[in-house]
Amino acid sequence: MLRRRGRDPLLLERAGRVGESWQSRYDCLHLNTARWWSRLPGLEIPRRFGTWVSAKDYARYLELYARHHELDVRLGVGVEGISPHESGWLVESSVGEFEADNVIVATGYDREPSIPSWPGADGFTGQLLHASAYRNPRPFAGRSVLVVGSGNSAADIAVDLVRGGASKVWNSIRTPPQIVPRTVGGIPMQTVAIVTRSLPAWVGDAVVRSVQILVHGDLSPYGLPSPREGVSAQFRRADVVPVIDVAFVHTLKRGEVEFVAAVSAFDGERVLLADGSSLQPDVVVAATGYRRGLERLVGNLGVLDERGRPITSGAESPDALSGLYFAGYTNPLSGNLRELGIHARQIADQIATSPRSAQQRARPTADLDPHSAPHNESESRFLNSTQGSVNRKASQSKAAR
């Protein structure tokens, strides 16, 4: 979007390849948002990737996107901190410091794995891993597995384990999840969410509840109590999106996944549950979510809420911090990737029309490694990073994060 508006963005990527965070997720992961709602501005996702794009194919799409737009992506460079400096910003990176007019932080919604501090977890004699370390069910064939969590990753992994031959699969939940079908009459539920987004919350909740009853029926006989809140209320309170059902309900109704109470503690080989019961699983997979992980970058700027999420998004900058933008940190029911595309357009428009960006020039504060920062004496640069983005000022070279 910035290139279309006469800017030449520099993207700083901590990982060694574009789309690494998608490449490294579990093998069976597919987008729960339809292909046409998951594209980034300026390039369609190839139709050959199907309606429900796999994580591996989405990573390939991101690589295609970077090549198609001839983006200057600097790999293996980490941003260590972002702070106000004179009329712009100072970015500390693994290859040095440099100044910038604008900074876009776009490190991803699910960045740092989060595991609860369960008492006794360190002494658990079985295997405990976060969902981020799960790849496929092969290592767990013939073993009993407790999956902790009530989100989409937990549902995906539970089904994957059943199909992969785990001897027993439990699913530990604290709050009964909202489960909605991926499609209704061939129409993605995401489309329903987009259409009803501007309507009062109760309207969307009534539509979703009607679909749940029609498609899934009453799931309480299978150990899943009805949620106490509607989809919208649960989302506003806990930032929790519904489980998009592909095969989870089918697996549940066949008795291949058993719901159990929330985990309260570990005791040797046992996992203690909130209802006073206990289990002895061979493996515990904690599908307990992720944090944004922005504290290290901007935690000292007062721009994060109590959950560590930016207080602004899209073209809006925090008060008195003009030129600082956040993209992709909202996860509405209509889809995070769709929202990211909206933010990209908003931010590009704002930067292109901002007086502070009229003469963009990037200036490193010290000479950078020429191998990581190719020289260009005349160009202005905008730095866009999965760890931070900045609009640089003078222009001897391109900085990396």
Protein backbone atom coordinates (compact mmCIF):
# COMPACT_ATOMS: atom_id res chain seq x y z
CA MET A 1 0.00 0.00 0.00
CA LEU A 2 2.84 2.43 0.76
CA ARG A 3 4.55 1.71 -2.55
CA ARG A 4 1.33 2.58 -4.35
CA ARG A 5 1.48 5.93 -2.58
CA GLY A 6 5.04 6.71 -3.59
CA ARG A 7 6.80 5.30 -0.54
CA ASP A 8 9.44 2.58 -0.54
CA PRO A 9 8.93 0.48 2.60
CA LEU A 10 11.65 -1.43 4.38
CA LEU A 11 10.42 -4.47 6.28
CA LEU A 12 12.42 -5.84 9.15
CA GLU A 13 11.84 -9.48 10.02
CA ARG A 14 13.42 -11.19 12.99
CA ALA A 15 12.96 -14.66 11.49
CA GLY A 16 15.10 -16.14 8.77
CA ARG A 17 12.31 -16.35 6.18
CA VAL A 18 9.09 -14.62 5.26
CA GLY A 19 6.05 -16.21 6.91
CA GLU A 20 8.08 -18.14 9.47
CA SER A 21 5.36 -17.92 12.12
CA TRP A 22 2.97 -19.69 9.74
CA GLN A 23 5.54 -22.25 8.64
CA SER A 24 6.22 -23.31 12.21
CA ARG A 25 2.63 -24.03 13.33
CA TYR A 26 1.09 -27.50 13.56
CA ASP A 27 0.79 -29.41 10.30
CA CYS A 28 -3.01 -29.60 10.12
CA LEU A 29 -3.57 -25.88 10.71
CA HIS A 30 -5.80 -24.12 8.16
CA LEU A 31 -7.21 -20.62 8.18
CA ASN A 32 -10.69 -20.38 9.65
CA THR A 33 -11.30 -17.39 7.40
CA ALA A 34 -12.09 -17.85 3.72
CA ARG A 35 -9.38 -17.32 1.13
CA TRP A 36 -11.00 -14.19 -0.33
CA TRP A 37 -11.38 -12.59 3.11
CA SER A 38 -7.77 -13.38 4.09
CA ARG A 39 -5.85 -11.67 1.29
CA LEU A 40 -3.59 -8.68 1.83
CA PRO A 41 -4.07 -5.53 -0.25
CA GLY A 42 -2.66 -5.80 -3.74
CA LEU A 43 -2.53 -9.54 -4.37
CA GLU A 44 -5.11 -12.32 -4.36
CA ILE A 45 -4.35 -15.63 -2.67
CA PRO A 46 -4.00 -18.26 -5.44
CA ARG A 47 -7.21 -20.22 -6.02
CA ARG A 48 -5.20 -23.46 -6.03
CA PHE A 49 -4.73 -23.00 -2.26
CA GLY A 50 -8.43 -23.74 -1.80
CA THR A 51 -11.14 -21.99 0.19
CA TRP A 52 -9.55 -22.81 3.55
CA VAL A 53 -5.87 -22.07 3.10
CA SER A 54 -3.35 -24.18 5.02
CA ALA A 55 -0.80 -22.44 7.21
CA LYS A 56 2.00 -23.67 4.94
CA ASP A 57 0.25 -22.27 1.85
CA TYR A 58 -0.40 -18.97 3.61
CA ALA A 59 3.32 -18.72 4.30
CA ARG A 60 3.92 -19.35 0.58
CA TYR A 61 1.43 -16.60 -0.21
CA LEU A 62 3.36 -14.16 1.97
CA GLU A 63 6.54 -15.06 0.09
CA LEU A 64 4.72 -14.52 -3.21
CA TYR A 65 3.43 -11.20 -1.89
CA ALA A 66 6.90 -9.94 -1.02
CA ARG A 67 8.25 -10.92 -4.44
CA HIS A 68 5.24 -9.58 -6.34
CA HIS A 69 5.56 -6.13 -4.77
CA GLU A 70 9.39 -6.28 -4.75
CA LEU A 71 9.40 -5.48 -1.07
CA ASP A 72 12.70 -4.89 0.65
CA VAL A 73 12.47 -7.45 3.45
CA ARG A 74 15.47 -7.64 5.78
CA LEU A 75 15.54 -11.10 7.37
CA GLY A 76 17.23 -12.10 10.59
CA VAL A 77 17.13 -8.60 12.06
CA GLY A 78 15.47 -7.93 15.41
CA VAL A 79 14.09 -4.67 16.77
CA GLU A 80 15.08 -4.26 20.40
CA GLY A 81 13.29 -1.01 21.26
CA ILE A 82 11.40 1.98 19.91
CA SER A 83 11.48 5.43 21.53
CA PRO A 84 10.66 9.06 20.65
CA HIS A 85 13.64 10.99 19.31
CA GLU A 86 13.70 14.65 18.30
CA SER A 87 10.92 15.06 15.72
CA GLY A 88 10.55 11.35 15.05
CA TRP A 89 11.61 7.98 16.40
CA LEU A 90 14.74 6.09 17.38
CA VAL A 91 14.74 2.40 16.59
CA GLU A 92 17.25 0.10 18.27
CA SER A 93 17.96 -2.96 16.17
CA SER A 94 20.31 -5.90 16.15
CA VAL A 95 22.37 -4.11 13.47
CA GLY A 96 22.42 -0.66 15.06
CA GLU A 97 20.26 2.38 15.75
CA PHE A 98 18.55 4.64 13.25
CA GLU A 99 16.02 7.44 13.15
CA ALA A 100 12.60 7.36 11.57
CA ASP A 101 9.63 9.60 10.85
CA ASN A 102 7.07 6.85 11.30
CA VAL A 103 7.02 3.47 12.97
CA ILE A 104 4.52 0.68 12.29
CA VAL A 105 4.51 -2.14 14.79
CA ALA A 106 3.17 -5.31 13.17
CA THR A 107 4.67 -8.23 15.05
CA GLY A 108 1.57 -10.41 14.99
CA TYR A 109 -1.45 -11.07 17.18
CA ASP A 110 -0.21 -14.42 18.52
CA ARG A 111 3.47 -13.94 19.21
CA GLU A 112 4.62 -15.32 22.56
CA PRO A 113 3.26 -18.64 23.92
CA SER A 114 1.51 -18.33 27.26
CA ILE A 115 1.24 -21.15 29.81
CA PRO A 116 -0.49 -20.66 33.18
CA SER A 117 1.65 -20.91 36.30
CA TRP A 118 0.10 -24.16 37.51
CA PRO A 119 1.34 -25.29 40.94
CA GLY A 120 3.46 -28.41 40.65
CA ALA A 121 3.88 -28.21 36.87
CA ASP A 122 7.67 -28.36 37.15
CA GLY A 123 7.40 -31.72 38.88
CA PHE A 124 5.01 -33.33 36.39
CA THR A 125 6.45 -36.71 35.44
CA GLY A 126 4.68 -36.79 32.07
CA GLN A 127 5.32 -34.57 29.09
CA LEU A 128 4.09 -30.96 29.16
CA LEU A 129 4.26 -28.78 26.05
CA HIS A 130 2.62 -25.66 24.68
CA ALA A 131 0.54 -25.93 21.52
CA SER A 132 3.21 -23.91 19.72
CA ALA A 133 5.53 -26.93 20.05
CA TYR A 134 2.95 -29.40 18.70
CA ARG A 135 3.43 -30.40 15.06
CA ASN A 136 1.53 -33.64 14.41
CA PRO A 137 0.12 -36.65 16.30
CA ARG A 138 2.82 -39.16 15.42
CA PRO A 139 4.80 -38.82 18.68
CA PHE A 140 1.60 -39.34 20.68
CA ALA A 141 0.13 -42.45 19.03
CA GLY A 142 -0.91 -44.96 21.70
CA ARG A 143 -0.54 -42.38 24.49
CA SER A 144 -3.14 -40.59 26.58
CA VAL A 145 -3.23 -36.82 26.06
CA LEU A 146 -4.90 -33.99 27.94
CA VAL A 147 -5.45 -30.90 25.79
CA VAL A 148 -5.96 -27.78 27.90
CA GLY A 149 -7.85 -24.88 26.37
CA SER A 150 -11.14 -23.98 24.73
CA GLY A 151 -10.00 -22.23 21.56
CA ASN A 152 -9.49 -23.22 17.96
CA SER A 153 -6.00 -24.62 18.50
CA ALA A 154 -7.27 -26.90 21.28
CA ALA A 155 -10.07 -28.20 19.05
CA ASP A 156 -7.75 -28.73 16.08
CA ILE A 157 -5.15 -30.57 18.13
CA ALA A 158 -7.72 -32.75 19.92
CA VAL A 159 -9.16 -33.92 16.59
CA ASP A 160 -5.67 -34.41 15.16
CA LEU A 161 -4.70 -36.60 18.13
CA VAL A 162 -7.81 -38.75 17.75
CA ARG A 163 -7.13 -39.26 14.06
CA GLY A 164 -3.47 -39.95 14.81
CA GLY A 165 -4.15 -42.82 17.18
CA ALA A 166 -3.84 -41.37 20.67
CA SER A 167 -5.21 -43.91 23.15
CA LYS A 168 -7.28 -41.32 25.02
CA VAL A 169 -7.95 -37.60 24.50
CA TRP A 170 -9.39 -35.29 27.15
CA ASN A 171 -10.13 -31.60 26.72
CA SER A 172 -9.89 -29.48 29.85
CA ILE A 173 -11.93 -26.27 29.72
CA ARG A 174 -12.62 -23.48 32.18
CA THR A 175 -15.29 -21.64 30.19
CA PRO A 176 -17.57 -23.53 27.76
CA PRO A 177 -16.63 -22.36 24.26
CA GLN A 178 -18.91 -21.00 21.62
CA ILE A 179 -18.77 -23.48 18.73
CA VAL A 180 -20.03 -22.44 15.32
CA PRO A 181 -19.93 -24.32 12.00
CA ARG A 182 -17.40 -23.13 9.45
CA THR A 183 -20.11 -22.81 6.82
CA VAL A 184 -23.89 -22.72 6.67
CA GLY A 185 -25.43 -23.64 3.34
CA GLY A 186 -22.03 -23.22 1.75
CA ILE A 187 -21.64 -19.68 3.10
CA PRO A 188 -18.68 -19.07 5.47
CA MET A 189 -19.77 -18.00 8.94
CA GLN A 190 -17.18 -15.24 8.60
CA THR A 191 -19.42 -13.69 5.96
CA VAL A 192 -22.29 -13.72 8.45
CA ALA A 193 -20.02 -11.98 11.00
CA ILE A 194 -19.07 -9.30 8.46
CA VAL A 195 -22.68 -8.66 7.48
CA THR A 196 -23.89 -8.42 11.10
CA ARG A 197 -20.87 -6.47 12.43
CA SER A 198 -22.61 -3.11 12.21
CA LEU A 199 -25.83 -4.40 13.77
CA PRO A 200 -26.58 -4.48 17.52
CA ALA A 201 -24.74 -7.31 19.26
CA TRP A 202 -27.94 -9.10 20.21
CA VAL A 203 -28.85 -9.49 16.56
CA GLY A 204 -25.58 -11.23 15.71
CA ASP A 205 -25.82 -13.38 18.83
CA ALA A 206 -29.37 -14.45 17.93
CA VAL A 207 -28.28 -15.41 14.42
CA VAL A 208 -25.32 -17.41 15.73
CA ARG A 209 -27.41 -19.17 18.37
CA SER A 210 -30.00 -20.17 15.78
CA VAL A 211 -27.26 -21.60 13.57
CA GLN A 212 -25.71 -23.48 16.50
CA ILE A 213 -29.02 -25.15 17.38
CA LEU A 214 -29.80 -25.94 13.76
CA VAL A 215 -26.40 -27.46 12.92
CA HIS A 216 -25.09 -28.88 16.20
CA GLY A 217 -28.10 -29.25 18.45
CA ASP A 218 -27.71 -29.50 22.21
CA LEU A 219 -24.16 -30.53 23.13
CA SER A 220 -24.72 -30.80 26.88
CA PRO A 221 -25.34 -34.59 26.71
CA TYR A 222 -21.78 -34.86 25.40
CA GLY A 223 -20.28 -33.04 28.37
CA LEU A 224 -20.28 -29.50 27.00
CA PRO A 225 -22.58 -27.12 28.92
CA SER A 226 -24.21 -24.31 26.99
CA PRO A 227 -22.16 -21.08 27.17
CA ARG A 228 -23.49 -18.59 29.68
CA GLU A 229 -22.91 -15.65 27.33
CA GLY A 230 -23.56 -14.89 23.70
CA VAL A 231 -20.72 -14.80 21.20
CA SER A 232 -20.45 -11.01 21.25
CA ALA A 233 -20.58 -10.70 25.05
CA GLN A 234 -17.91 -13.37 25.50
CA PHE A 235 -15.73 -11.68 22.89
CA ARG A 236 -16.02 -8.25 24.53
CA ARG A 237 -15.31 -9.62 28.00
CA ALA A 238 -12.45 -12.01 27.31
CA ASP A 239 -11.34 -11.29 23.73
CA VAL A 240 -12.30 -14.87 22.85
CA VAL A 241 -13.46 -15.81 19.37
CA PRO A 242 -15.69 -18.85 18.75
CA VAL A 243 -14.34 -22.27 17.91
CA ILE A 244 -14.87 -22.74 14.18
CA ASP A 245 -15.98 -26.33 13.85
CA VAL A 246 -14.60 -28.59 11.15
CA ALA A 247 -14.69 -32.02 12.79
CA PHE A 248 -14.59 -31.28 16.53
CA VAL A 249 -18.32 -31.72 17.20
CA HIS A 250 -18.38 -34.95 15.18
CA THR A 251 -15.46 -36.26 17.25
CA LEU A 252 -17.17 -35.17 20.46
CA LYS A 253 -20.46 -36.90 19.58
CA ARG A 254 -18.58 -40.12 18.81
CA GLY A 255 -17.14 -40.04 22.33
CA GLU A 256 -13.57 -39.73 21.06
CA VAL A 257 -12.90 -36.55 23.07
CA GLU A 258 -13.98 -36.22 26.69
CA PHE A 259 -14.48 -32.84 28.34
CA VAL A 260 -13.10 -32.42 31.86
CA ALA A 261 -12.85 -29.55 34.33
CA ALA A 262 -10.16 -26.87 34.35
CA VAL A 263 -6.66 -27.77 35.49
CA SER A 264 -5.87 -26.50 38.98
CA ALA A 265 -2.47 -28.09 39.72
CA PHE A 266 -0.05 -30.94 39.04
CA ASP A 267 1.04 -33.57 41.53
CA GLY A 268 3.73 -35.91 40.23
CA GLU A 269 2.09 -38.01 37.53
CA ARG A 270 -1.38 -36.64 38.25
CA VAL A 271 -3.18 -33.57 36.94
CA LEU A 272 -5.58 -32.12 39.51
CA LEU A 273 -8.83 -30.65 38.21
CA ALA A 274 -11.01 -27.86 39.58
CA ASP A 275 -13.90 -30.24 40.38
CA GLY A 276 -11.71 -32.30 42.72
CA SER A 277 -11.04 -35.14 40.28
CA SER A 278 -7.68 -36.00 38.74
CA LEU A 279 -6.20 -37.60 35.64
CA GLN A 280 -2.95 -39.37 34.83
CA PRO A 281 -2.23 -38.42 31.21
CA ASP A 282 1.00 -39.29 29.49
CA VAL A 283 1.06 -35.88 27.82
CA VAL A 284 -0.43 -32.45 28.50
CA VAL A 285 -0.73 -30.03 25.58
CA ALA A 286 -1.36 -26.48 26.81
CA ALA A 287 -3.38 -24.76 24.08
CA THR A 288 -3.62 -21.79 26.41
CA GLY A 289 -3.02 -18.95 24.01
CA TYR A 290 -0.43 -16.33 23.24
CA ARG A 291 0.55 -12.86 24.35
CA ARG A 292 1.26 -9.95 22.04
CA GLY A 293 4.73 -9.55 23.57
CA LEU A 294 4.97 -5.80 22.93
CA GLU A 295 6.23 -4.78 26.35
CA ARG A 296 9.89 -4.99 25.37
CA LEU A 297 9.37 -2.78 22.33
CA VAL A 298 6.96 -0.10 23.53
CA GLY A 299 6.08 -0.98 27.12
CA ASN A 300 7.59 2.26 28.44
CA LEU A 301 5.46 4.48 26.18
CA GLY A 302 2.09 4.00 27.88
CA VAL A 303 0.51 2.69 24.68
CA LEU A 304 -0.61 -0.76 25.92
CA ASP A 305 -3.70 -1.72 27.89
CA GLU A 306 -3.84 -4.09 30.86
CA ARG A 307 -3.78 -7.10 28.51
CA GLY A 308 -0.71 -5.87 26.66
CA ARG A 309 -2.63 -4.80 23.56
CA PRO A 310 -2.14 -1.43 21.82
CA ILE A 311 -4.69 1.20 22.81
CA THR A 312 -4.86 2.44 19.20
CA SER A 313 -5.00 0.70 15.85
CA GLY A 314 -4.96 1.53 12.18
CA ALA A 315 -4.35 5.17 11.25
CA GLU A 316 -4.77 6.39 14.83
CA SER A 317 -1.59 7.22 16.78
CA PRO A 318 -1.49 7.40 20.58
CA ASP A 319 -1.78 10.90 22.05
CA ALA A 320 1.45 12.93 21.74
CA LEU A 321 3.11 10.04 19.85
CA SER A 322 2.46 11.02 16.27
CA GLY A 323 3.89 8.63 13.70
CA LEU A 324 3.55 5.47 15.80
CA TYR A 325 1.08 2.95 14.36
CA PHE A 326 -0.09 -0.56 15.25
CA ALA A 327 -1.43 -3.01 12.67
CA GLY A 328 -3.05 -6.39 13.21
CA TYR A 329 -3.67 -6.32 16.97
CA THR A 330 -7.45 -6.49 16.82
CA ASN A 331 -9.21 -9.78 16.29
CA PRO A 332 -12.87 -9.08 15.51
CA LEU A 333 -15.36 -11.81 14.83
CA SER A 334 -15.11 -10.84 11.15
CA GLY A 335 -11.47 -11.99 11.04
CA ASN A 336 -8.00 -10.77 12.05
CA LEU A 337 -6.46 -11.01 8.56
CA ARG A 338 -9.28 -9.01 7.01
CA GLU A 339 -8.81 -6.41 9.73
CA LEU A 340 -5.07 -6.31 9.05
CA GLY A 341 -5.74 -5.39 5.43
CA ILE A 342 -8.04 -2.59 6.57
CA HIS A 343 -5.34 -1.27 8.91
CA ALA A 344 -2.75 -1.39 6.13
CA ARG A 345 -4.85 0.83 3.91
CA GLN A 346 -5.63 3.27 6.71
CA ILE A 347 -2.01 3.61 7.80
CA ALA A 348 -0.71 3.98 4.24
CA ASP A 349 -3.22 6.76 3.56
CA GLN A 350 -2.32 8.52 6.79
CA ILE A 351 1.42 8.41 6.16
CA ALA A 352 1.09 9.44 2.51
CA THR A 353 -0.87 12.57 3.44
CA SER A 354 0.98 13.45 6.65
CA PRO A 355 3.13 16.63 6.56
CA ARG A 356 5.83 14.86 8.57
CA SER A 357 6.19 12.35 5.73
CA ALA A 358 6.38 14.84 2.88
CA GLN A 359 10.16 14.51 2.74
CA GLN A 360 10.93 11.11 4.14
CA ARG A 361 14.57 10.51 4.66
CA ALA A 362 16.15 7.69 6.60
CA ARG A 363 19.28 8.21 8.66
CA PRO A 364 21.09 5.55 10.65
CA THR A 365 22.73 6.99 13.75
CA ALA A 366 25.90 5.03 12.98
CA ASP A 367 27.33 3.17 10.03
CA LEU A 368 25.61 -0.15 9.59
CA ASP A 369 26.94 -3.41 8.27
CA PRO A 370 26.84 -2.99 4.49
CA HIS A 371 25.78 -6.62 4.10
CA SER A 372 22.67 -6.07 6.17
CA ALA A 373 21.96 -2.52 5.00
CA PRO A 374 22.58 -1.82 1.32
CA HIS A 375 23.48 1.77 0.51
CA ASN A 376 21.19 4.12 -1.33
CA GLU A 377 22.21 7.76 -1.18
CA SER A 378 19.07 9.31 -2.59
CA GLU A 379 16.07 7.29 -1.53
CA SER A 380 13.85 7.86 1.44
CA ARG A 381 12.74 4.74 3.28
CA PHE A 382 9.88 3.52 5.38
CA LEU A 383 10.64 0.68 7.75
CA ASN A 384 7.89 -1.85 8.30
CA SER A 385 8.68 -4.71 10.57
CA THR A 386 7.11 -7.76 12.10
CA GLN A 387 8.81 -6.39 15.18
CA GLY A 388 8.47 -2.74 14.35
CA SER A 389 8.10 -0.45 11.40
CA VAL A 390 9.69 2.87 10.95
CA ASN A 391 9.74 5.62 8.42
CA ARG A 392 13.40 6.48 8.22
CA LYS A 393 14.96 9.84 7.75
CA ALA A 394 18.31 10.31 6.02
CA SER A 395 19.45 7.70 3.61
CA GLN A 396 22.80 6.17 3.49
CA SER A 397 21.44 2.74 3.99
CA LYS A 398 18.50 0.64 4.92
CA ALA A 399 18.36 -0.33 8.52
CA ALA A 400 17.19 -3.61 9.84
CA ARG A 401 15.58 -4.48 13.01
